[in-house]
Amino acid sequence: MSMKSKILLLILCSFLFACSSTSKNKVTVEGDGSNSGDLSKVVCKKESVTGSHFKKVVCRTVGEIKRDREALDRNSSSSSHSNSREY
């Protein structure tokens, strides 16, 4: 086997192994936040990435999710009051 053939075979094998994955759609979820003591539990979910067909796994604690929802509620209620002006 020539040197070019060996390099080509090595590159081909690299592409094959780089594209393979050991886990197919595995997402681990620990706790669902239904108990008040579950704020430190980690919840992972797949989210769509804008401009891509790939999904990204995002993991956050239940406490972070709750805090983000409360901040969003506060911001949306304050923006609805400020946008109520008539011109």
PDB file of N, CA and C in Angstrom:
ATOM      1  N   MET A   1       0.848  -1.178   0.000  1.00  0.00           N
ATOM      2  CA  MET A   1       0.000   0.000   0.000  1.00  0.00           C
ATOM      3  C   MET A   1       0.890   1.237   0.000  1.00  0.00           C
ATOM      4  N   SER A   2       0.574   2.168  -0.876  1.00  0.00           N
ATOM      5  CA  SER A   2       1.393   3.367  -0.986  1.00  0.00           C
ATOM      6  C   SER A   2       1.072   4.345   0.146  1.00  0.00           C
ATOM      7  N   MET A   3       1.914   5.334   0.286  1.00  0.00           N
ATOM      8  CA  MET A   3       1.742   6.330   1.347  1.00  0.00           C
ATOM      9  C   MET A   3       0.469   7.147   1.132  1.00  0.00           C
ATOM     10  N   LYS A   4       0.161   7.492  -0.125  1.00  0.00           N
ATOM     11  CA  LYS A   4      -1.050   8.238  -0.421  1.00  0.00           C
ATOM     12  C   LYS A   4      -2.292   7.438  -0.039  1.00  0.00           C
ATOM     13  N   SER A   5      -2.283   6.165  -0.293  1.00  0.00           N
ATOM     14  CA  SER A   5      -3.419   5.305   0.038  1.00  0.00           C
ATOM     15  C   SER A   5      -3.611   5.223   1.548  1.00  0.00           C
ATOM     16  N   LYS A   6      -2.517   5.121   2.287  1.00  0.00           N
ATOM     17  CA  LYS A   6      -2.608   5.062   3.751  1.00  0.00           C
ATOM     18  C   LYS A   6      -3.177   6.360   4.319  1.00  0.00           C
ATOM     19  N   ILE A   7      -2.723   7.484   3.789  1.00  0.00           N
ATOM     20  CA  ILE A   7      -3.216   8.782   4.275  1.00  0.00           C
ATOM     21  C   ILE A   7      -4.695   8.943   3.929  1.00  0.00           C
ATOM     22  N   LEU A   8      -5.061   8.551   2.712  1.00  0.00           N
ATOM     23  CA  LEU A   8      -6.453   8.635   2.303  1.00  0.00           C
ATOM     24  C   LEU A   8      -7.337   7.748   3.173  1.00  0.00           C
ATOM     25  N   LEU A   9      -6.883   6.552   3.479  1.00  0.00           N
ATOM     26  CA  LEU A   9      -7.621   5.644   4.340  1.00  0.00           C
ATOM     27  C   LEU A   9      -7.751   6.216   5.756  1.00  0.00           C
ATOM     28  N   LEU A  10      -6.697   6.811   6.250  1.00  0.00           N
ATOM     29  CA  LEU A  10      -6.721   7.428   7.578  1.00  0.00           C
ATOM     30  C   LEU A  10      -7.721   8.584   7.625  1.00  0.00           C
ATOM     31  N   ILE A  11      -7.747   9.405   6.593  1.00  0.00           N
ATOM     32  CA  ILE A  11      -8.690  10.525   6.543  1.00  0.00           C
ATOM     33  C   ILE A  11     -10.116  10.015   6.454  1.00  0.00           C
ATOM     34  N   LEU A  12     -10.345   9.011   5.636  1.00  0.00           N
ATOM     35  CA  LEU A  12     -11.673   8.435   5.498  1.00  0.00           C
ATOM     36  C   LEU A  12     -12.168   7.859   6.828  1.00  0.00           C
ATOM     37  N   CYS A  13     -11.306   7.132   7.513  1.00  0.00           N
ATOM     38  CA  CYS A  13     -11.681   6.577   8.823  1.00  0.00           C
ATOM     39  C   CYS A  13     -11.958   7.680   9.841  1.00  0.00           C
ATOM     40  N   SER A  14     -11.187   8.751   9.770  1.00  0.00           N
ATOM     41  CA  SER A  14     -11.405   9.872  10.691  1.00  0.00           C
ATOM     42  C   SER A  14     -12.783  10.478  10.493  1.00  0.00           C
ATOM     43  N   PHE A  15     -13.186  10.648   9.235  1.00  0.00           N
ATOM     44  CA  PHE A  15     -14.515  11.193   8.963  1.00  0.00           C
ATOM     45  C   PHE A  15     -15.614  10.253   9.441  1.00  0.00           C
ATOM     46  N   LEU A  16     -15.418   8.974   9.243  1.00  0.00           N
ATOM     47  CA  LEU A  16     -16.433   8.011   9.663  1.00  0.00           C
ATOM     48  C   LEU A  16     -16.613   8.017  11.177  1.00  0.00           C
ATOM     49  N   PHE A  17     -15.522   8.029  11.912  1.00  0.00           N
ATOM     50  CA  PHE A  17     -15.624   7.992  13.367  1.00  0.00           C
ATOM     51  C   PHE A  17     -16.048   9.335  13.944  1.00  0.00           C
ATOM     52  N   ALA A  18     -15.719  10.427  13.287  1.00  0.00           N
ATOM     53  CA  ALA A  18     -16.112  11.743  13.776  1.00  0.00           C
ATOM     54  C   ALA A  18     -17.607  11.954  13.636  1.00  0.00           C
ATOM     55  N   CYS A  19     -18.224  11.344  12.640  1.00  0.00           N
ATOM     56  CA  CYS A  19     -19.652  11.524  12.408  1.00  0.00           C
ATOM     57  C   CYS A  19     -20.509  10.573  13.232  1.00  0.00           C
ATOM     58  N   SER A  20     -19.913   9.553  13.781  1.00  0.00           N
ATOM     59  CA  SER A  20     -20.696   8.604  14.579  1.00  0.00           C
ATOM     60  C   SER A  20     -20.890   9.154  15.981  1.00  0.00           C
ATOM     61  N   SER A  21     -21.970   8.737  16.603  1.00  0.00           N
ATOM     62  CA  SER A  21     -22.290   9.212  17.940  1.00  0.00           C
ATOM     63  C   SER A  21     -22.657   8.027  18.809  1.00  0.00           C
ATOM     64  N   THR A  22     -22.304   8.095  20.073  1.00  0.00           N
ATOM     65  CA  THR A  22     -22.628   6.997  20.975  1.00  0.00           C
ATOM     66  C   THR A  22     -24.020   7.121  21.549  1.00  0.00           C
ATOM     67  N   SER A  23     -24.538   8.330  21.654  1.00  0.00           N
ATOM     68  CA  SER A  23     -25.872   8.505  22.222  1.00  0.00           C
ATOM     69  C   SER A  23     -26.787   9.142  21.191  1.00  0.00           C
ATOM     70  N   LYS A  24     -27.910   8.531  20.972  1.00  0.00           N
ATOM     71  CA  LYS A  24     -28.900   9.049  20.038  1.00  0.00           C
ATOM     72  C   LYS A  24     -30.040   9.660  20.842  1.00  0.00           C
ATOM     73  N   ASN A  25     -30.150  10.972  20.784  1.00  0.00           N
ATOM     74  CA  ASN A  25     -31.260  11.694  21.421  1.00  0.00           C
ATOM     75  C   ASN A  25     -31.384  11.403  22.909  1.00  0.00           C
ATOM     76  N   LYS A  26     -30.276  11.248  23.595  1.00  0.00           N
ATOM     77  CA  LYS A  26     -30.331  11.001  25.038  1.00  0.00           C
ATOM     78  C   LYS A  26     -30.356  12.321  25.782  1.00  0.00           C
ATOM     79  N   VAL A  27     -31.343  12.478  26.610  1.00  0.00           N
ATOM     80  CA  VAL A  27     -31.432  13.658  27.465  1.00  0.00           C
ATOM     81  C   VAL A  27     -31.794  13.161  28.856  1.00  0.00           C
ATOM     82  N   THR A  28     -31.003  13.538  29.837  1.00  0.00           N
ATOM     83  CA  THR A  28     -31.246  13.109  31.202  1.00  0.00           C
ATOM     84  C   THR A  28     -31.984  14.202  31.944  1.00  0.00           C
ATOM     85  N   VAL A  29     -33.054  13.806  32.612  1.00  0.00           N
ATOM     86  CA  VAL A  29     -33.832  14.750  33.400  1.00  0.00           C
ATOM     87  C   VAL A  29     -33.867  14.230  34.827  1.00  0.00           C
ATOM     88  N   GLU A  30     -33.455  15.070  35.749  1.00  0.00           N
ATOM     89  CA  GLU A  30     -33.475  14.709  37.156  1.00  0.00           C
ATOM     90  C   GLU A  30     -34.460  15.608  37.866  1.00  0.00           C
ATOM     91  N   GLY A  31     -35.592  15.094  38.218  1.00  0.00           N
ATOM     92  CA  GLY A  31     -36.601  15.886  38.912  1.00  0.00           C
ATOM     93  C   GLY A  31     -37.372  16.754  37.941  1.00  0.00           C
ATOM     94  N   ASP A  32     -38.607  17.040  38.307  1.00  0.00           N
ATOM     95  CA  ASP A  32     -39.437  17.859  37.431  1.00  0.00           C
ATOM     96  C   ASP A  32     -39.822  19.183  38.068  1.00  0.00           C
ATOM     97  N   GLY A  33     -39.313  19.440  39.247  1.00  0.00           N
ATOM     98  CA  GLY A  33     -39.590  20.709  39.900  1.00  0.00           C
ATOM     99  C   GLY A  33     -40.934  20.758  40.588  1.00  0.00           C
ATOM    100  N   SER A  34     -41.623  19.609  40.687  1.00  0.00           N
ATOM    101  CA  SER A  34     -42.940  19.621  41.307  1.00  0.00           C
ATOM    102  C   SER A  34     -42.852  19.803  42.823  1.00  0.00           C
ATOM    103  N   ASN A  35     -41.752  19.398  43.430  1.00  0.00           N
ATOM    104  CA  ASN A  35     -41.564  19.617  44.865  1.00  0.00           C
ATOM    105  C   ASN A  35     -40.833  20.927  45.081  1.00  0.00           C
ATOM    106  N   SER A  36     -41.129  21.605  46.162  1.00  0.00           N
ATOM    107  CA  SER A  36     -40.484  22.889  46.421  1.00  0.00           C
ATOM    108  C   SER A  36     -39.002  22.723  46.722  1.00  0.00           C
ATOM    109  N   GLY A  37     -38.562  21.539  47.160  1.00  0.00           N
ATOM    110  CA  GLY A  37     -37.158  21.301  47.455  1.00  0.00           C
ATOM    111  C   GLY A  37     -36.353  20.900  46.246  1.00  0.00           C
ATOM    112  N   ASP A  38     -36.957  20.878  45.056  1.00  0.00           N
ATOM    113  CA  ASP A  38     -36.281  20.432  43.846  1.00  0.00           C
ATOM    114  C   ASP A  38     -35.608  21.565  43.078  1.00  0.00           C
ATOM    115  N   LEU A  39     -35.364  22.708  43.691  1.00  0.00           N
ATOM    116  CA  LEU A  39     -34.818  23.856  42.967  1.00  0.00           C
ATOM    117  C   LEU A  39     -33.397  23.623  42.473  1.00  0.00           C
ATOM    118  N   SER A  40     -32.680  22.665  43.055  1.00  0.00           N
ATOM    119  CA  SER A  40     -31.312  22.402  42.619  1.00  0.00           C
ATOM    120  C   SER A  40     -31.231  21.254  41.622  1.00  0.00           C
ATOM    121  N   LYS A  41     -32.348  20.658  41.286  1.00  0.00           N
ATOM    122  CA  LYS A  41     -32.357  19.567  40.311  1.00  0.00           C
ATOM    123  C   LYS A  41     -32.075  20.112  38.923  1.00  0.00           C
ATOM    124  N   VAL A  42     -31.398  19.324  38.109  1.00  0.00           N
ATOM    125  CA  VAL A  42     -31.029  19.747  36.762  1.00  0.00           C
ATOM    126  C   VAL A  42     -32.025  19.177  35.761  1.00  0.00           C
ATOM    127  N   VAL A  43     -32.487  20.047  34.873  1.00  0.00           N
ATOM    128  CA  VAL A  43     -33.411  19.653  33.814  1.00  0.00           C
ATOM    129  C   VAL A  43     -32.734  19.969  32.480  1.00  0.00           C
ATOM    130  N   CYS A  44     -32.655  18.971  31.620  1.00  0.00           N
ATOM    131  CA  CYS A  44     -32.049  19.152  30.302  1.00  0.00           C
ATOM    132  C   CYS A  44     -33.112  18.972  29.239  1.00  0.00           C
ATOM    133  N   LYS A  45     -33.070  19.831  28.233  1.00  0.00           N
ATOM    134  CA  LYS A  45     -34.000  19.680  27.119  1.00  0.00           C
ATOM    135  C   LYS A  45     -33.327  20.145  25.843  1.00  0.00           C
ATOM    136  N   LYS A  46     -33.856  19.659  24.721  1.00  0.00           N
ATOM    137  CA  LYS A  46     -33.314  20.026  23.423  1.00  0.00           C
ATOM    138  C   LYS A  46     -34.033  21.260  22.916  1.00  0.00           C
ATOM    139  N   GLU A  47     -33.245  22.232  22.453  1.00  0.00           N
ATOM    140  CA  GLU A  47     -33.815  23.461  21.917  1.00  0.00           C
ATOM    141  C   GLU A  47     -33.317  23.664  20.499  1.00  0.00           C
ATOM    142  N   SER A  48     -34.184  24.161  19.646  1.00  0.00           N
ATOM    143  CA  SER A  48     -33.810  24.435  18.259  1.00  0.00           C
ATOM    144  C   SER A  48     -32.885  25.641  18.211  1.00  0.00           C
ATOM    145  N   VAL A  49     -31.898  25.552  17.342  1.00  0.00           N
ATOM    146  CA  VAL A  49     -30.957  26.648  17.142  1.00  0.00           C
ATOM    147  C   VAL A  49     -31.391  27.394  15.888  1.00  0.00           C
ATOM    148  N   THR A  50     -31.507  28.698  15.990  1.00  0.00           N
ATOM    149  CA  THR A  50     -31.931  29.507  14.853  1.00  0.00           C
ATOM    150  C   THR A  50     -30.916  29.389  13.720  1.00  0.00           C
ATOM    151  N   GLY A  51     -31.420  29.080  12.529  1.00  0.00           N
ATOM    152  CA  GLY A  51     -30.561  28.975  11.358  1.00  0.00           C
ATOM    153  C   GLY A  51     -29.874  27.639  11.212  1.00  0.00           C
ATOM    154  N   SER A  52     -30.316  26.635  11.974  1.00  0.00           N
ATOM    155  CA  SER A  52     -29.682  25.325  11.913  1.00  0.00           C
ATOM    156  C   SER A  52     -30.736  24.241  12.048  1.00  0.00           C
ATOM    157  N   HIS A  53     -30.435  23.077  11.513  1.00  0.00           N
ATOM    158  CA  HIS A  53     -31.329  21.934  11.670  1.00  0.00           C
ATOM    159  C   HIS A  53     -30.974  21.131  12.917  1.00  0.00           C
ATOM    160  N   PHE A  54     -29.859  21.467  13.535  1.00  0.00           N
ATOM    161  CA  PHE A  54     -29.405  20.743  14.714  1.00  0.00           C
ATOM    162  C   PHE A  54     -30.075  21.295  15.964  1.00  0.00           C
ATOM    163  N   LYS A  55     -30.227  20.423  16.941  1.00  0.00           N
ATOM    164  CA  LYS A  55     -30.776  20.829  18.227  1.00  0.00           C
ATOM    165  C   LYS A  55     -29.634  20.875  19.235  1.00  0.00           C
ATOM    166  N   LYS A  56     -29.772  21.763  20.195  1.00  0.00           N
ATOM    167  CA  LYS A  56     -28.755  21.949  21.228  1.00  0.00           C
ATOM    168  C   LYS A  56     -29.351  21.523  22.556  1.00  0.00           C
ATOM    169  N   VAL A  57     -28.593  20.763  23.346  1.00  0.00           N
ATOM    170  CA  VAL A  57     -29.057  20.347  24.665  1.00  0.00           C
ATOM    171  C   VAL A  57     -28.692  21.446  25.661  1.00  0.00           C
ATOM    172  N   VAL A  58     -29.714  21.955  26.341  1.00  0.00           N
ATOM    173  CA  VAL A  58     -29.523  23.021  27.323  1.00  0.00           C
ATOM    174  C   VAL A  58     -29.939  22.477  28.685  1.00  0.00           C
ATOM    175  N   CYS A  59     -29.035  22.558  29.637  1.00  0.00           N
ATOM    176  CA  CYS A  59     -29.314  22.073  30.993  1.00  0.00           C
ATOM    177  C   CYS A  59     -29.313  23.246  31.962  1.00  0.00           C
ATOM    178  N   ARG A  60     -30.376  23.335  32.763  1.00  0.00           N
ATOM    179  CA  ARG A  60     -30.488  24.380  33.782  1.00  0.00           C
ATOM    180  C   ARG A  60     -31.130  23.777  35.016  1.00  0.00           C
ATOM    181  N   THR A  61     -30.950  24.442  36.140  1.00  0.00           N
ATOM    182  CA  THR A  61     -31.605  23.982  37.357  1.00  0.00           C
ATOM    183  C   THR A  61     -33.044  24.491  37.367  1.00  0.00           C
ATOM    184  N   VAL A  62     -33.879  23.840  38.158  1.00  0.00           N
ATOM    185  CA  VAL A  62     -35.279  24.246  38.275  1.00  0.00           C
ATOM    186  C   VAL A  62     -35.356  25.665  38.829  1.00  0.00           C
ATOM    187  N   GLY A  63     -34.455  26.000  39.736  1.00  0.00           N
ATOM    188  CA  GLY A  63     -34.421  27.353  40.292  1.00  0.00           C
ATOM    189  C   GLY A  63     -34.133  28.400  39.230  1.00  0.00           C
ATOM    190  N   GLU A  64     -33.209  28.103  38.307  1.00  0.00           N
ATOM    191  CA  GLU A  64     -32.898  29.037  37.227  1.00  0.00           C
ATOM    192  C   GLU A  64     -34.095  29.213  36.300  1.00  0.00           C
ATOM    193  N   ILE A  65     -34.773  28.115  35.998  1.00  0.00           N
ATOM    194  CA  ILE A  65     -35.947  28.179  35.132  1.00  0.00           C
ATOM    195  C   ILE A  65     -37.028  29.031  35.778  1.00  0.00           C
ATOM    196  N   LYS A  66     -37.250  28.803  37.070  1.00  0.00           N
ATOM    197  CA  LYS A  66     -38.276  29.557  37.803  1.00  0.00           C
ATOM    198  C   LYS A  66     -37.935  31.039  37.849  1.00  0.00           C
ATOM    199  N   ARG A  67     -36.671  31.360  38.117  1.00  0.00           N
ATOM    200  CA  ARG A  67     -36.225  32.755  38.182  1.00  0.00           C
ATOM    201  C   ARG A  67     -36.378  33.438  36.818  1.00  0.00           C
ATOM    202  N   ASP A  68     -36.036  32.729  35.730  1.00  0.00           N
ATOM    203  CA  ASP A  68     -36.169  33.305  34.392  1.00  0.00           C
ATOM    204  C   ASP A  68     -37.627  33.563  34.042  1.00  0.00           C
ATOM    205  N   ARG A  69     -38.520  32.646  34.424  1.00  0.00           N
ATOM    206  CA  ARG A  69     -39.952  32.840  34.158  1.00  0.00           C
ATOM    207  C   ARG A  69     -40.489  34.048  34.914  1.00  0.00           C
ATOM    208  N   GLU A  70     -40.083  34.190  36.173  1.00  0.00           N
ATOM    209  CA  GLU A  70     -40.547  35.328  36.968  1.00  0.00           C
ATOM    210  C   GLU A  70     -40.038  36.640  36.381  1.00  0.00           C
ATOM    211  N   ALA A  71     -38.781  36.657  35.927  1.00  0.00           N
ATOM    212  CA  ALA A  71     -38.224  37.872  35.318  1.00  0.00           C
ATOM    213  C   ALA A  71     -38.955  38.193  34.017  1.00  0.00           C
ATOM    214  N   LEU A  72     -39.279  37.177  33.240  1.00  0.00           N
ATOM    215  CA  LEU A  72     -40.012  37.388  31.993  1.00  0.00           C
ATOM    216  C   LEU A  72     -41.403  37.932  32.276  1.00  0.00           C
ATOM    217  N   ASP A  73     -42.066  37.390  33.310  1.00  0.00           N
ATOM    218  CA  ASP A  73     -43.392  37.891  33.681  1.00  0.00           C
ATOM    219  C   ASP A  73     -43.324  39.353  34.116  1.00  0.00           C
ATOM    220  N   ARG A  74     -42.303  39.699  34.919  1.00  0.00           N
ATOM    221  CA  ARG A  74     -42.147  41.086  35.358  1.00  0.00           C
ATOM    222  C   ARG A  74     -41.898  42.009  34.176  1.00  0.00           C
ATOM    223  N   ASN A  75     -41.031  41.585  33.260  1.00  0.00           N
ATOM    224  CA  ASN A  75     -40.704  42.426  32.101  1.00  0.00           C
ATOM    225  C   ASN A  75     -41.892  42.569  31.160  1.00  0.00           C
ATOM    226  N   SER A  76     -42.633  41.501  30.961  1.00  0.00           N
ATOM    227  CA  SER A  76     -43.770  41.591  30.037  1.00  0.00           C
ATOM    228  C   SER A  76     -44.895  42.424  30.632  1.00  0.00           C
ATOM    229  N   SER A  77     -45.088  42.357  31.943  1.00  0.00           N
ATOM    230  CA  SER A  77     -46.142  43.178  32.541  1.00  0.00           C
ATOM    231  C   SER A  77     -45.740  44.648  32.565  1.00  0.00           C
ATOM    232  N   SER A  78     -44.471  44.951  32.796  1.00  0.00           N
ATOM    233  CA  SER A  78     -44.039  46.352  32.801  1.00  0.00           C
ATOM    234  C   SER A  78     -44.022  46.921  31.393  1.00  0.00           C
ATOM    235  N   SER A  79     -43.714  46.119  30.382  1.00  0.00           N
ATOM    236  CA  SER A  79     -43.705  46.638  29.012  1.00  0.00           C
ATOM    237  C   SER A  79     -45.121  46.844  28.500  1.00  0.00           C
ATOM    238  N   SER A  80     -46.070  46.061  28.974  1.00  0.00           N
ATOM    239  CA  SER A  80     -47.449  46.264  28.528  1.00  0.00           C
ATOM    240  C   SER A  80     -48.016  47.557  29.117  1.00  0.00           C
ATOM    241  N   HIS A  81     -47.554  47.942  30.312  1.00  0.00           N
ATOM    242  CA  HIS A  81     -47.998  49.201  30.899  1.00  0.00           C
ATOM    243  C   HIS A  81     -47.374  50.389  30.177  1.00  0.00           C
ATOM    244  N   SER A  82     -46.123  50.276  29.793  1.00  0.00           N
ATOM    245  CA  SER A  82     -45.454  51.395  29.128  1.00  0.00           C
ATOM    246  C   SER A  82     -45.902  51.540  27.686  1.00  0.00           C
ATOM    247  N   ASN A  83     -46.392  50.463  27.061  1.00  0.00           N
ATOM    248  CA  ASN A  83     -46.850  50.533  25.678  1.00  0.00           C
ATOM    249  C   ASN A  83     -48.322  50.912  25.573  1.00  0.00           C
ATOM    250  N   SER A  84     -48.976  51.202  26.688  1.00  0.00           N
ATOM    251  CA  SER A  84     -50.406  51.481  26.652  1.00  0.00           C
ATOM    252  C   SER A  84     -50.699  52.949  26.347  1.00  0.00           C
ATOM    253  N   ARG A  85     -49.667  53.763  26.119  1.00  0.00           N
ATOM    254  CA  ARG A  85     -49.867  55.170  25.798  1.00  0.00           C
ATOM    255  C   ARG A  85     -50.504  55.309  24.415  1.00  0.00           C
ATOM    256  N   GLU A  86     -51.372  56.257  24.312  1.00  0.00           N
ATOM    257  CA  GLU A  86     -52.002  56.534  23.020  1.00  0.00           C
ATOM    258  C   GLU A  86     -51.327  57.728  22.401  1.00  0.00           C
ATOM    259  N   TYR A  87     -51.147  57.692  21.095  1.00  0.00           N
ATOM    260  CA  TYR A  87     -50.499  58.793  20.392  1.00  0.00           C
ATOM    261  C   TYR A  87     -51.495  59.586  19.610  1.00  0.00           C
TER     262      TYR A  87
END
